[in-house]
Amino acid sequence: MDWEVVFSARSNADLRQIVEYIARDDPGAASRFGLELIETAESLARTPELGPILPRRPNTRFFPVGAYLIAHAMMFVARVVPPHGTASISGLARSRNRSEF
C-alpha cells in the first residue's frame, strides 16, 4: 500500500521560489527541475523511509535533489481502540476496508 504524499503550504511556496529563481536564467530548466522536484517528492508514496533522519527532528527525514533538500515527515495514527475487547477485531477489519482505519 502506498502512502499519500501531501505537500505543505511551505513546500509549495519553496517550490515556487526555486522555480522562479531558476527561470530568471533558463525558464525551460526551471520547469524541468520543478517537475523533477515534484516527481521525486511524490516517489515518497512508495519509499516513505527515504533519507537519513534529521538529528534534532527525529520524525523528519531528508534527501538531496540537485543542490536542494527535500525534507519530509511520516505521520500516521492507525486507530485509538477502547480497552478490553469493547471493539471487536472483525469490527476493526470492516472499518479498515472502508478506509476509516
C-alpha atoms as a PDB file:
ATOM      1  CA  MET A   1       0.000   0.000   0.000  1.00  0.00           C
ATOM      2  CA  ASP A   2       1.373   3.401  -0.969  1.00  0.00           C
ATOM      3  CA  TRP A   3       1.327   6.340   1.405  1.00  0.00           C
ATOM      4  CA  GLU A   4      -0.318   9.624   0.485  1.00  0.00           C
ATOM      5  CA  VAL A   5       2.107  12.458  -0.187  1.00  0.00           C
ATOM      6  CA  VAL A   6       0.749  15.824   0.920  1.00  0.00           C
ATOM      7  CA  PHE A   7       2.633  18.991   0.001  1.00  0.00           C
ATOM      8  CA  SER A   8       2.578  21.584   2.768  1.00  0.00           C
ATOM      9  CA  ALA A   9       1.876  25.232   2.053  1.00  0.00           C
ATOM     10  CA  ARG A  10       5.503  25.933   2.909  1.00  0.00           C
ATOM     11  CA  SER A  11       6.799  23.345   0.432  1.00  0.00           C
ATOM     12  CA  ASN A  12       4.579  24.819  -2.299  1.00  0.00           C
ATOM     13  CA  ALA A  13       5.994  28.284  -1.575  1.00  0.00           C
ATOM     14  CA  ASP A  14       9.554  26.893  -1.592  1.00  0.00           C
ATOM     15  CA  LEU A  15       8.952  25.186  -4.923  1.00  0.00           C
ATOM     16  CA  ARG A  16       7.536  28.361  -6.439  1.00  0.00           C
ATOM     17  CA  GLN A  17      10.550  30.396  -5.260  1.00  0.00           C
ATOM     18  CA  ILE A  18      13.041  27.835  -6.569  1.00  0.00           C
ATOM     19  CA  VAL A  19      11.386  27.668  -9.997  1.00  0.00           C
ATOM     20  CA  GLU A  20      11.114  31.466 -10.228  1.00  0.00           C
ATOM     21  CA  TYR A  21      14.799  31.853  -9.305  1.00  0.00           C
ATOM     22  CA  ILE A  22      15.992  29.349 -11.922  1.00  0.00           C
ATOM     23  CA  ALA A  23      13.599  30.793 -14.528  1.00  0.00           C
ATOM     24  CA  ARG A  24      15.465  34.124 -14.436  1.00  0.00           C
ATOM     25  CA  ASP A  25      18.268  32.440 -16.371  1.00  0.00           C
ATOM     26  CA  ASP A  26      16.539  29.486 -18.057  1.00  0.00           C
ATOM     27  CA  PRO A  27      12.748  29.050 -17.994  1.00  0.00           C
ATOM     28  CA  GLY A  28      12.940  25.606 -19.594  1.00  0.00           C
ATOM     29  CA  ALA A  29      15.409  24.346 -16.990  1.00  0.00           C
ATOM     30  CA  ALA A  30      13.222  25.828 -14.241  1.00  0.00           C
ATOM     31  CA  SER A  31      10.212  23.913 -15.486  1.00  0.00           C
ATOM     32  CA  ARG A  32      12.152  20.644 -15.816  1.00  0.00           C
ATOM     33  CA  PHE A  33      13.706  20.983 -12.361  1.00  0.00           C
ATOM     34  CA  GLY A  34      10.368  21.897 -10.769  1.00  0.00           C
ATOM     35  CA  LEU A  35       8.834  18.749 -12.253  1.00  0.00           C
ATOM     36  CA  GLU A  36      11.811  16.699 -11.054  1.00  0.00           C
ATOM     37  CA  LEU A  37      11.331  18.003  -7.508  1.00  0.00           C
ATOM     38  CA  ILE A  38       7.606  17.183  -7.583  1.00  0.00           C
ATOM     39  CA  GLU A  39       8.102  13.707  -9.056  1.00  0.00           C
ATOM     40  CA  THR A  40      10.869  12.912  -6.571  1.00  0.00           C
ATOM     41  CA  ALA A  41       8.727  14.061  -3.652  1.00  0.00           C
ATOM     42  CA  GLU A  42       5.794  12.020  -4.945  1.00  0.00           C
ATOM     43  CA  SER A  43       8.026   8.920  -5.006  1.00  0.00           C
ATOM     44  CA  LEU A  44       7.869   9.049  -1.200  1.00  0.00           C
ATOM     45  CA  ALA A  45       4.489   7.324  -1.513  1.00  0.00           C
ATOM     46  CA  ARG A  46       6.419   4.133  -2.325  1.00  0.00           C
ATOM     47  CA  THR A  47       9.548   4.788  -0.236  1.00  0.00           C
ATOM     48  CA  PRO A  48       8.490   6.793   2.845  1.00  0.00           C
ATOM     49  CA  GLU A  49      11.667   5.995   4.786  1.00  0.00           C
ATOM     50  CA  LEU A  50      13.955   7.512   2.148  1.00  0.00           C
ATOM     51  CA  GLY A  51      16.835   9.556   3.514  1.00  0.00           C
ATOM     52  CA  PRO A  52      18.563   9.911   6.858  1.00  0.00           C
ATOM     53  CA  ILE A  53      16.802  11.290   9.931  1.00  0.00           C
ATOM     54  CA  LEU A  54      17.452  14.908  10.867  1.00  0.00           C
ATOM     55  CA  PRO A  55      19.359  14.810  14.186  1.00  0.00           C
ATOM     56  CA  ARG A  56      17.197  17.377  16.011  1.00  0.00           C
ATOM     57  CA  ARG A  57      13.903  16.307  14.422  1.00  0.00           C
ATOM     58  CA  PRO A  58      13.581  12.527  14.806  1.00  0.00           C
ATOM     59  CA  ASN A  59      10.326  12.340  12.805  1.00  0.00           C
ATOM     60  CA  THR A  60      11.836  14.170   9.823  1.00  0.00           C
ATOM     61  CA  ARG A  61      13.973  12.741   7.040  1.00  0.00           C
ATOM     62  CA  PHE A  62      15.706  14.487   4.148  1.00  0.00           C
ATOM     63  CA  PHE A  63      17.418  13.766   0.850  1.00  0.00           C
ATOM     64  CA  PRO A  64      19.054  15.863  -1.872  1.00  0.00           C
ATOM     65  CA  VAL A  65      17.711  16.690  -5.307  1.00  0.00           C
ATOM     66  CA  GLY A  66      20.331  18.712  -7.132  1.00  0.00           C
ATOM     67  CA  ALA A  67      21.505  21.477  -4.809  1.00  0.00           C
ATOM     68  CA  TYR A  68      18.260  21.347  -2.786  1.00  0.00           C
ATOM     69  CA  LEU A  69      16.982  19.145   0.036  1.00  0.00           C
ATOM     70  CA  ILE A  70      13.540  17.634   0.335  1.00  0.00           C
ATOM     71  CA  ALA A  71      12.546  17.260   3.987  1.00  0.00           C
ATOM     72  CA  HIS A  72       9.636  15.001   4.839  1.00  0.00           C
ATOM     73  CA  ALA A  73       7.884  13.568   7.855  1.00  0.00           C
ATOM     74  CA  MET A  74       5.801  10.419   8.152  1.00  0.00           C
ATOM     75  CA  MET A  75       2.791  10.821  10.391  1.00  0.00           C
ATOM     76  CA  PHE A  76       0.269   8.069  10.899  1.00  0.00           C
ATOM     77  CA  VAL A  77      -2.182   7.203  13.625  1.00  0.00           C
ATOM     78  CA  ALA A  78      -3.703   3.802  12.921  1.00  0.00           C
ATOM     79  CA  ARG A  79      -6.581   3.923  15.370  1.00  0.00           C
ATOM     80  CA  VAL A  80      -7.443   4.564  19.004  1.00  0.00           C
ATOM     81  CA  VAL A  81      -9.269   1.486  20.286  1.00  0.00           C
ATOM     82  CA  PRO A  82     -11.250   1.164  23.545  1.00  0.00           C
ATOM     83  CA  PRO A  83      -9.685  -1.229  26.085  1.00  0.00           C
ATOM     84  CA  HIS A  84     -10.514  -4.886  26.753  1.00  0.00           C
ATOM     85  CA  GLY A  85     -12.499  -6.039  23.763  1.00  0.00           C
ATOM     86  CA  THR A  86     -15.192  -3.386  23.550  1.00  0.00           C
ATOM     87  CA  ALA A  87     -14.283  -3.124  19.854  1.00  0.00           C
ATOM     88  CA  SER A  88     -14.042  -6.460  18.093  1.00  0.00           C
ATOM     89  CA  ILE A  89     -11.240  -7.393  15.736  1.00  0.00           C
ATOM     90  CA  SER A  90     -13.770  -8.039  12.965  1.00  0.00           C
ATOM     91  CA  GLY A  91     -15.135  -4.532  13.517  1.00  0.00           C
ATOM     92  CA  LEU A  92     -11.645  -3.122  13.083  1.00  0.00           C
ATOM     93  CA  ALA A  93     -11.188  -5.071   9.860  1.00  0.00           C
ATOM     94  CA  ARG A  94     -14.505  -3.768   8.492  1.00  0.00           C
ATOM     95  CA  SER A  95     -13.515  -0.209   9.376  1.00  0.00           C
ATOM     96  CA  ARG A  96     -10.168  -0.653   7.660  1.00  0.00           C
ATOM     97  CA  ASN A  97     -11.828  -1.911   4.483  1.00  0.00           C
ATOM     98  CA  ARG A  98     -13.973   1.240   4.397  1.00  0.00           C
ATOM     99  CA  SER A  99     -10.838   3.441   4.687  1.00  0.00           C
ATOM    100  CA  GLU A 100     -11.850   4.591   8.175  1.00  0.00           C
ATOM    101  CA  PHE A 101      -8.990   2.740   9.877  1.00  0.00           C
END
